[in-house]
C-alpha atoms as a PDB file:
ATOM      1  CA  MET A   1      58.128 102.189 118.801  1.00  0.00           C
ATOM      2  CA  GLU A   2      58.077 105.287 116.387  1.00  0.00           C
ATOM      3  CA  LYS A   3      54.083 105.956 115.637  1.00  0.00           C
ATOM      4  CA  ASP A   4      54.441 108.215 112.494  1.00  0.00           C
ATOM      5  CA  PHE A   5      55.906 106.683 109.291  1.00  0.00           C
ATOM      6  CA  TYR A   6      57.291 108.399 106.016  1.00  0.00           C
ATOM      7  CA  THR A   7      57.861 107.906 103.121  1.00  0.00           C
ATOM      8  CA  PHE A   8      61.634 106.719 102.291  1.00  0.00           C
ATOM      9  CA  SER A   9      62.304 110.813 100.629  1.00  0.00           C
ATOM     10  CA  GLU A  10      60.858 112.448 104.166  1.00  0.00           C
ATOM     11  CA  TYR A  11      63.333 109.831 106.120  1.00  0.00           C
ATOM     12  CA  MET A  12      66.118 110.833 104.425  1.00  0.00           C
ATOM     13  CA  LYS A  13      65.259 114.753 104.333  1.00  0.00           C
ATOM     14  CA  LYS A  14      65.138 114.542 108.408  1.00  0.00           C
ATOM     15  CA  GLU A  15      69.018 113.363 108.705  1.00  0.00           C
ATOM     16  CA  ASP A  16      71.456 116.583 108.372  1.00  0.00           C
ATOM     17  CA  ASP A  17      74.133 115.532 106.051  1.00  0.00           C
ATOM     18  CA  SER A  18      75.400 118.124 103.997  1.00  0.00           C
ATOM     19  CA  LEU A  19      77.122 115.816 101.777  1.00  0.00           C
ATOM     20  CA  THR A  20      74.309 114.025  99.259  1.00  0.00           C
ATOM     21  CA  ALA A  21      74.964 110.255  98.922  1.00  0.00           C
ATOM     22  CA  SER A  22      76.696 111.017  95.397  1.00  0.00           C
ATOM     23  CA  MET A  23      79.490 113.027  97.147  1.00  0.00           C
ATOM     24  CA  GLU A  24      80.073 110.734  99.707  1.00  0.00           C
ATOM     25  CA  ASP A  25      80.957 108.042  96.875  1.00  0.00           C
ATOM     26  CA  TYR A  26      83.596 110.079  95.056  1.00  0.00           C
ATOM     27  CA  LEU A  27      85.156 111.468  97.941  1.00  0.00           C
ATOM     28  CA  GLU A  28      85.087 107.709  99.144  1.00  0.00           C
ATOM     29  CA  MET A  29      86.508 107.182  95.824  1.00  0.00           C
ATOM     30  CA  ILE A  30      88.691 109.757  95.907  1.00  0.00           C
ATOM     31  CA  TYR A  31      89.915 108.543  99.266  1.00  0.00           C
ATOM     32  CA  ARG A  32      91.281 104.737  98.364  1.00  0.00           C
ATOM     33  CA  LEU A  33      92.834 106.290  95.126  1.00  0.00           C
ATOM     34  CA  SER A  34      95.005 109.148  96.568  1.00  0.00           C
ATOM     35  CA  GLY A  35      95.985 106.228  99.255  1.00  0.00           C
ATOM     36  CA  ARG A  36      98.854 104.880  96.838  1.00  0.00           C
ATOM     37  CA  ASN A  37     100.362 108.485  96.098  1.00  0.00           C
ATOM     38  CA  GLY A  38      98.300 111.259  97.617  1.00  0.00           C
ATOM     39  CA  PHE A  39      96.179 112.004  94.500  1.00  0.00           C
ATOM     40  CA  THR A  40      94.152 111.047  91.834  1.00  0.00           C
ATOM     41  CA  ARG A  41      93.104 112.193  88.561  1.00  0.00           C
ATOM     42  CA  ILE A  42      89.701 112.562  86.808  1.00  0.00           C
ATOM     43  CA  ASN A  43      90.467 109.528  84.370  1.00  0.00           C
ATOM     44  CA  GLU A  44      91.488 107.243  87.208  1.00  0.00           C
ATOM     45  CA  LEU A  45      88.167 108.431  89.541  1.00  0.00           C
ATOM     46  CA  SER A  46      85.776 108.674  86.453  1.00  0.00           C
ATOM     47  CA  ALA A  47      87.359 104.537  85.643  1.00  0.00           C
ATOM     48  CA  ALA A  48      86.833 103.467  89.311  1.00  0.00           C
ATOM     49  CA  LEU A  49      82.654 104.797  89.996  1.00  0.00           C
ATOM     50  CA  ASN A  50      82.136 104.020  85.894  1.00  0.00           C
ATOM     51  CA  VAL A  51      81.126 106.755  85.046  1.00  0.00           C
ATOM     52  CA  GLN A  52      81.986 109.241  82.078  1.00  0.00           C
ATOM     53  CA  PRO A  53      84.994 111.906  82.569  1.00  0.00           C
ATOM     54  CA  PRO A  54      82.881 114.930  82.712  1.00  0.00           C
ATOM     55  CA  SER A  55      80.274 113.895  85.397  1.00  0.00           C
ATOM     56  CA  ALA A  56      83.375 113.530  87.198  1.00  0.00           C
ATOM     57  CA  THR A  57      84.862 116.580  86.914  1.00  0.00           C
ATOM     58  CA  LYS A  58      81.684 118.464  87.781  1.00  0.00           C
ATOM     59  CA  MET A  59      81.623 116.477  91.453  1.00  0.00           C
ATOM     60  CA  VAL A  60      84.965 117.071  91.558  1.00  0.00           C
ATOM     61  CA  GLN A  61      84.301 120.722  91.402  1.00  0.00           C
ATOM     62  CA  LYS A  62      81.356 120.810  93.660  1.00  0.00           C
ATOM     63  CA  LEU A  63      83.697 119.321  95.980  1.00  0.00           C
ATOM     64  CA  SER A  64      86.470 122.197  95.970  1.00  0.00           C
ATOM     65  CA  GLU A  65      84.268 124.249  96.296  1.00  0.00           C
ATOM     66  CA  LEU A  66      83.182 123.443  99.866  1.00  0.00           C
ATOM     67  CA  LYS A  67      86.910 122.776 100.251  1.00  0.00           C
ATOM     68  CA  LEU A  68      86.815 119.033 100.724  1.00  0.00           C
ATOM     69  CA  ILE A  69      89.483 118.582  98.014  1.00  0.00           C
ATOM     70  CA  LYS A  70      92.183 120.352  95.581  1.00  0.00           C
ATOM     71  CA  TYR A  71      91.243 120.449  92.191  1.00  0.00           C
ATOM     72  CA  GLU A  72      92.863 122.574  89.282  1.00  0.00           C
ATOM     73  CA  LYS A  73      91.297 121.475  85.841  1.00  0.00           C
ATOM     74  CA  TYR A  74      93.182 119.033  84.376  1.00  0.00           C
ATOM     75  CA  GLY A  75      95.222 118.847  87.376  1.00  0.00           C
ATOM     76  CA  VAL A  76      95.130 116.395  90.327  1.00  0.00           C
ATOM     77  CA  ILE A  77      92.846 115.962  93.005  1.00  0.00           C
ATOM     78  CA  MET A  78      93.964 116.029  96.559  1.00  0.00           C
ATOM     79  CA  LEU A  79      92.330 115.907  99.834  1.00  0.00           C
ATOM     80  CA  GLU A  80      92.051 118.543 101.956  1.00  0.00           C
ATOM     81  CA  GLU A  81      92.054 117.674 105.154  1.00  0.00           C
ATOM     82  CA  GLU A  82      88.827 117.903 106.141  1.00  0.00           C
ATOM     83  CA  GLY A  83      88.340 115.633 102.938  1.00  0.00           C
ATOM     84  CA  ARG A  84      90.940 113.451 104.435  1.00  0.00           C
ATOM     85  CA  LEU A  85      88.894 113.008 107.650  1.00  0.00           C
ATOM     86  CA  LEU A  86      85.603 112.364 106.044  1.00  0.00           C
ATOM     87  CA  GLY A  87      86.933 109.870 103.222  1.00  0.00           C
ATOM     88  CA  GLU A  88      88.626 107.848 106.206  1.00  0.00           C
ATOM     89  CA  ASN A  89      85.063 108.329 108.390  1.00  0.00           C
ATOM     90  CA  LEU A  90      83.303 106.965 104.904  1.00  0.00           C
ATOM     91  CA  ILE A  91      85.735 104.330 104.610  1.00  0.00           C
ATOM     92  CA  LYS A  92      85.309 102.768 108.355  1.00  0.00           C
ATOM     93  CA  ARG A  93      81.447 103.158 107.728  1.00  0.00           C
ATOM     94  CA  HIS A  94      81.604 101.184 104.475  1.00  0.00           C
ATOM     95  CA  ASN A  95      83.745  98.537 105.980  1.00  0.00           C
ATOM     96  CA  VAL A  96      81.660  98.094 109.177  1.00  0.00           C
ATOM     97  CA  ILE A  97      78.971  97.995 107.301  1.00  0.00           C
ATOM     98  CA  ALA A  98      80.640  95.151 104.958  1.00  0.00           C
ATOM     99  CA  ASN A  99      81.443  93.334 108.062  1.00  0.00           C
ATOM    100  CA  PHE A 100      78.223  93.428 109.461  1.00  0.00           C
ATOM    101  CA  LEU A 101      76.065  91.650 106.795  1.00  0.00           C
ATOM    102  CA  SER A 102      79.304  89.174 106.198  1.00  0.00           C
ATOM    103  CA  LEU A 103      78.560  87.747 109.743  1.00  0.00           C
ATOM    104  CA  LEU A 104      74.716  87.799 109.387  1.00  0.00           C
ATOM    105  CA  GLY A 105      75.554  85.471 105.675  1.00  0.00           C
ATOM    106  CA  VAL A 106      75.061  87.759 103.181  1.00  0.00           C
ATOM    107  CA  PRO A 107      76.660  86.097 100.243  1.00  0.00           C
ATOM    108  CA  ASP A 108      80.236  87.551  99.714  1.00  0.00           C
ATOM    109  CA  GLU A 109      78.721  88.934  95.645  1.00  0.00           C
ATOM    110  CA  GLU A 110      76.044  90.388  97.041  1.00  0.00           C
ATOM    111  CA  ILE A 111      77.863  92.707 100.200  1.00  0.00           C
ATOM    112  CA  LEU A 112      79.423  95.403  97.907  1.00  0.00           C
ATOM    113  CA  THR A 113      76.179  96.139  96.085  1.00  0.00           C
ATOM    114  CA  GLU A 114      74.097  95.952  99.912  1.00  0.00           C
ATOM    115  CA  THR A 115      76.797  97.769 101.506  1.00  0.00           C
ATOM    116  CA  GLU A 116      76.909 100.531  99.021  1.00  0.00           C
ATOM    117  CA  LYS A 117      72.901 100.773  98.803  1.00  0.00           C
ATOM    118  CA  ILE A 118      72.937 100.870 103.078  1.00  0.00           C
ATOM    119  CA  GLU A 119      75.827 103.410 103.882  1.00  0.00           C
ATOM    120  CA  HIS A 120      74.048 106.556 102.892  1.00  0.00           C
ATOM    121  CA  THR A 121      71.074 106.015 104.595  1.00  0.00           C
ATOM    122  CA  VAL A 122      72.123 104.523 108.095  1.00  0.00           C
ATOM    123  CA  SER A 123      73.068 106.675 110.771  1.00  0.00           C
ATOM    124  CA  GLU A 124      75.759 106.755 112.790  1.00  0.00           C
ATOM    125  CA  GLN A 125      73.865 105.250 115.715  1.00  0.00           C
ATOM    126  CA  THR A 126      73.126 102.346 113.784  1.00  0.00           C
ATOM    127  CA  MET A 127      76.407 102.363 112.962  1.00  0.00           C
ATOM    128  CA  LYS A 128      77.688 102.258 116.776  1.00  0.00           C
ATOM    129  CA  CYS A 129      75.090  99.175 117.385  1.00  0.00           C
ATOM    130  CA  PHE A 130      76.459  97.642 113.882  1.00  0.00           C
ATOM    131  CA  ASN A 131      79.872  97.726 114.992  1.00  0.00           C
ATOM    132  CA  ASP A 132      79.475  96.398 118.478  1.00  0.00           C
ATOM    133  CA  PHE A 133      77.202  93.671 117.696  1.00  0.00           C
ATOM    134  CA  ILE A 134      80.653  92.899 114.854  1.00  0.00           C
ATOM    135  CA  CYS A 135      82.970  93.490 118.689  1.00  0.00           C
ATOM    136  CA  PHE A 136      80.253  91.011 120.360  1.00  0.00           C
ATOM    137  CA  MET A 137      80.724  88.276 117.491  1.00  0.00           C
ATOM    138  CA  ASN A 138      84.376  88.139 117.404  1.00  0.00           C
ATOM    139  CA  ASN A 139      84.479  88.041 121.014  1.00  0.00           C
ATOM    140  CA  ASN A 140      82.251  85.012 120.987  1.00  0.00           C
ATOM    141  CA  PRO A 141      83.058  82.275 118.918  1.00  0.00           C
ATOM    142  CA  ASP A 142      80.867  79.977 120.472  1.00  0.00           C
ATOM    143  CA  ILE A 143      78.124  81.970 119.426  1.00  0.00           C
ATOM    144  CA  ARG A 144      78.833  82.780 116.140  1.00  0.00           C
ATOM    145  CA  LYS A 145      79.507  79.445 115.624  1.00  0.00           C
ATOM    146  CA  LYS A 146      75.460  78.304 116.116  1.00  0.00           C
ATOM    147  CA  TYR A 147      74.853  81.185 114.607  1.00  0.00           C
ATOM    148  CA  ILE A 148      76.556  80.540 111.510  1.00  0.00           C
ATOM    149  CA  SER A 149      75.085  76.846 111.687  1.00  0.00           C
ATOM    150  CA  TYR A 150      71.815  78.041 112.647  1.00  0.00           C
ATOM    151  CA  ILE A 151      72.120  79.974 109.509  1.00  0.00           C
ATOM    152  CA  GLU A 152      73.199  76.649 107.371  1.00  0.00           C
ATOM    153  CA  GLY A 153      70.233  75.150 108.517  1.00  0.00           C
ATOM    154  CA  HIS A 154      67.850  77.378 107.798  1.00  0.00           C
ATOM    155  CA  LYS A 155      68.201  78.736 104.770  1.00  0.00           C
ATOM    156  CA  SER A 156      65.100  80.288 102.984  1.00  0.00           C
ATOM    157  CA  ASN A 157      64.283  82.288 100.396  1.00  0.00           C
ATOM    158  CA  LEU A 158      62.899  85.712 101.135  1.00  0.00           C
ATOM    159  CA  LEU A 159      60.108  85.837 104.281  1.00  0.00           C
END
């Protein structure tokens, strides 16, 4: 067990990620939106993220400087290879967390919100544990049924 406690901000400083949570959100959405025809546009991106187009433009310019996307003013947004790979991993991370929360019995209407809160703070090692747990439960339907029965019989408010 870890003996030293820190504030949330200090724990986040210990992570060695080069992208901010906001950058990850944009890249993930660009990946989603680009799936249809290989590109997206600022207006489509800003609408999907519920932000103003100038805010989306600023972030897209930052991602372009990092060589994760291709973007020219008033043009289309396309993923570079590194951005595509990163976007794919961000989607996988998102889906693993959403599946994990669903398995735990988190109500469907809360899964997206909770996933968005968790996905930028969880380590790769913890993600592997989440995924292992999902696989275990999917490969052991009898245990999954027992768990579902248990949580349905013990529904309670917060601890």
